Amino acid sequence: MRRIDSPANALLKEIRELGKKAKKRREEGYFVGEGERLLRDLPLSSLVQIFLGEDYRGELPHGLSKEDERIIL
């Protein structure tokens, strides 16, 4: 798990941009989603990055732990 402390972080800026621009998502082959159910329903192999708030208390999908490098707080 990695931690991002700055709202000016380049990765956060990229995710925000992908969330707003469908053309960019199509060009780069990404999907940006939100919600605990979506996280549970997607196959783990399709997840590139998972952003969780510090206060997230929900369960992670089976096979995923907070030590996973794909998880970012």
Protein backbone atom coordinates (compact mmCIF):
# COMPACT_ATOMS: atom_id res chain seq x y z
CA MET A 1 0.00 0.00 0.00
CA ARG A 2 1.24 3.44 -0.87
CA ARG A 3 0.14 6.71 0.66
CA ILE A 4 -0.53 10.00 -1.11
CA ASP A 5 -0.51 13.03 1.15
CA SER A 6 -0.68 15.87 -1.35
CA PRO A 7 -3.79 16.78 -3.38
CA ALA A 8 -1.33 18.09 -5.99
CA ASN A 9 0.08 14.58 -6.56
CA ALA A 10 0.55 13.82 -10.27
CA LEU A 11 -1.18 10.42 -10.01
CA LEU A 12 -4.27 11.97 -8.40
CA LYS A 13 -4.36 14.62 -11.12
CA GLU A 14 -4.21 11.90 -13.78
CA ILE A 15 -7.07 9.94 -12.18
CA ARG A 16 -9.22 13.07 -11.92
CA GLU A 17 -8.58 13.79 -15.59
CA LEU A 18 -9.44 10.21 -16.59
CA GLY A 19 -12.65 10.49 -14.57
CA LYS A 20 -13.71 13.58 -16.52
CA LYS A 21 -12.57 12.69 -20.05
CA ALA A 22 -14.10 9.66 -21.74
CA LYS A 23 -11.90 10.10 -24.82
CA LYS A 24 -8.75 9.86 -22.71
CA ARG A 25 -10.07 6.71 -20.97
CA ARG A 26 -10.81 5.09 -24.33
CA GLU A 27 -7.42 6.03 -25.75
CA GLU A 28 -5.56 4.67 -22.73
CA GLY A 29 -7.84 1.67 -22.21
CA TYR A 30 -8.84 2.54 -18.64
CA PHE A 31 -12.07 2.44 -16.71
CA VAL A 32 -12.58 4.66 -13.67
CA GLY A 33 -15.24 3.45 -11.25
CA GLU A 34 -16.38 4.16 -7.76
CA GLY A 35 -18.03 2.14 -5.05
CA GLU A 36 -17.55 -0.83 -2.78
CA ARG A 37 -19.81 -3.13 -4.80
CA LEU A 38 -17.89 -2.43 -8.00
CA LEU A 39 -14.65 -3.24 -6.18
CA ARG A 40 -16.08 -6.58 -5.04
CA ASP A 41 -17.56 -7.48 -8.45
CA LEU A 42 -14.56 -6.77 -10.70
CA PRO A 43 -11.98 -9.52 -11.23
CA LEU A 44 -8.79 -8.72 -9.31
CA SER A 45 -6.74 -9.28 -12.45
CA SER A 46 -8.43 -6.28 -14.10
CA LEU A 47 -7.54 -3.82 -11.31
CA VAL A 48 -4.61 -1.51 -11.98
CA GLN A 49 -4.91 0.89 -9.03
CA ILE A 50 -7.33 1.09 -6.11
CA PHE A 51 -7.71 4.38 -4.29
CA LEU A 52 -9.15 4.23 -0.78
CA GLY A 53 -9.84 7.02 1.66
CA GLU A 54 -8.03 6.87 4.99
CA ASP A 55 -11.34 6.24 6.71
CA TYR A 56 -12.32 3.25 4.51
CA ARG A 57 -13.53 0.48 6.80
CA GLY A 58 -15.21 -1.81 4.28
CA GLU A 59 -14.00 -5.26 3.36
CA LEU A 60 -11.53 -5.74 0.57
CA PRO A 61 -12.30 -8.40 -2.04
CA HIS A 62 -11.03 -11.91 -1.34
CA GLY A 63 -7.38 -12.16 -2.32
CA LEU A 64 -6.63 -8.47 -1.75
CA SER A 65 -5.00 -7.01 1.34
CA LYS A 66 -3.97 -3.52 2.37
CA GLU A 67 -0.36 -4.56 1.74
CA ASP A 68 -1.11 -4.89 -1.99
CA GLU A 69 0.93 -2.41 -4.05
CA ARG A 70 -2.14 -1.54 -6.15
CA ILE A 71 -3.84 0.05 -3.14
CA ILE A 72 -3.24 3.73 -2.59
CA LEU A 73 -4.50 5.75 0.37
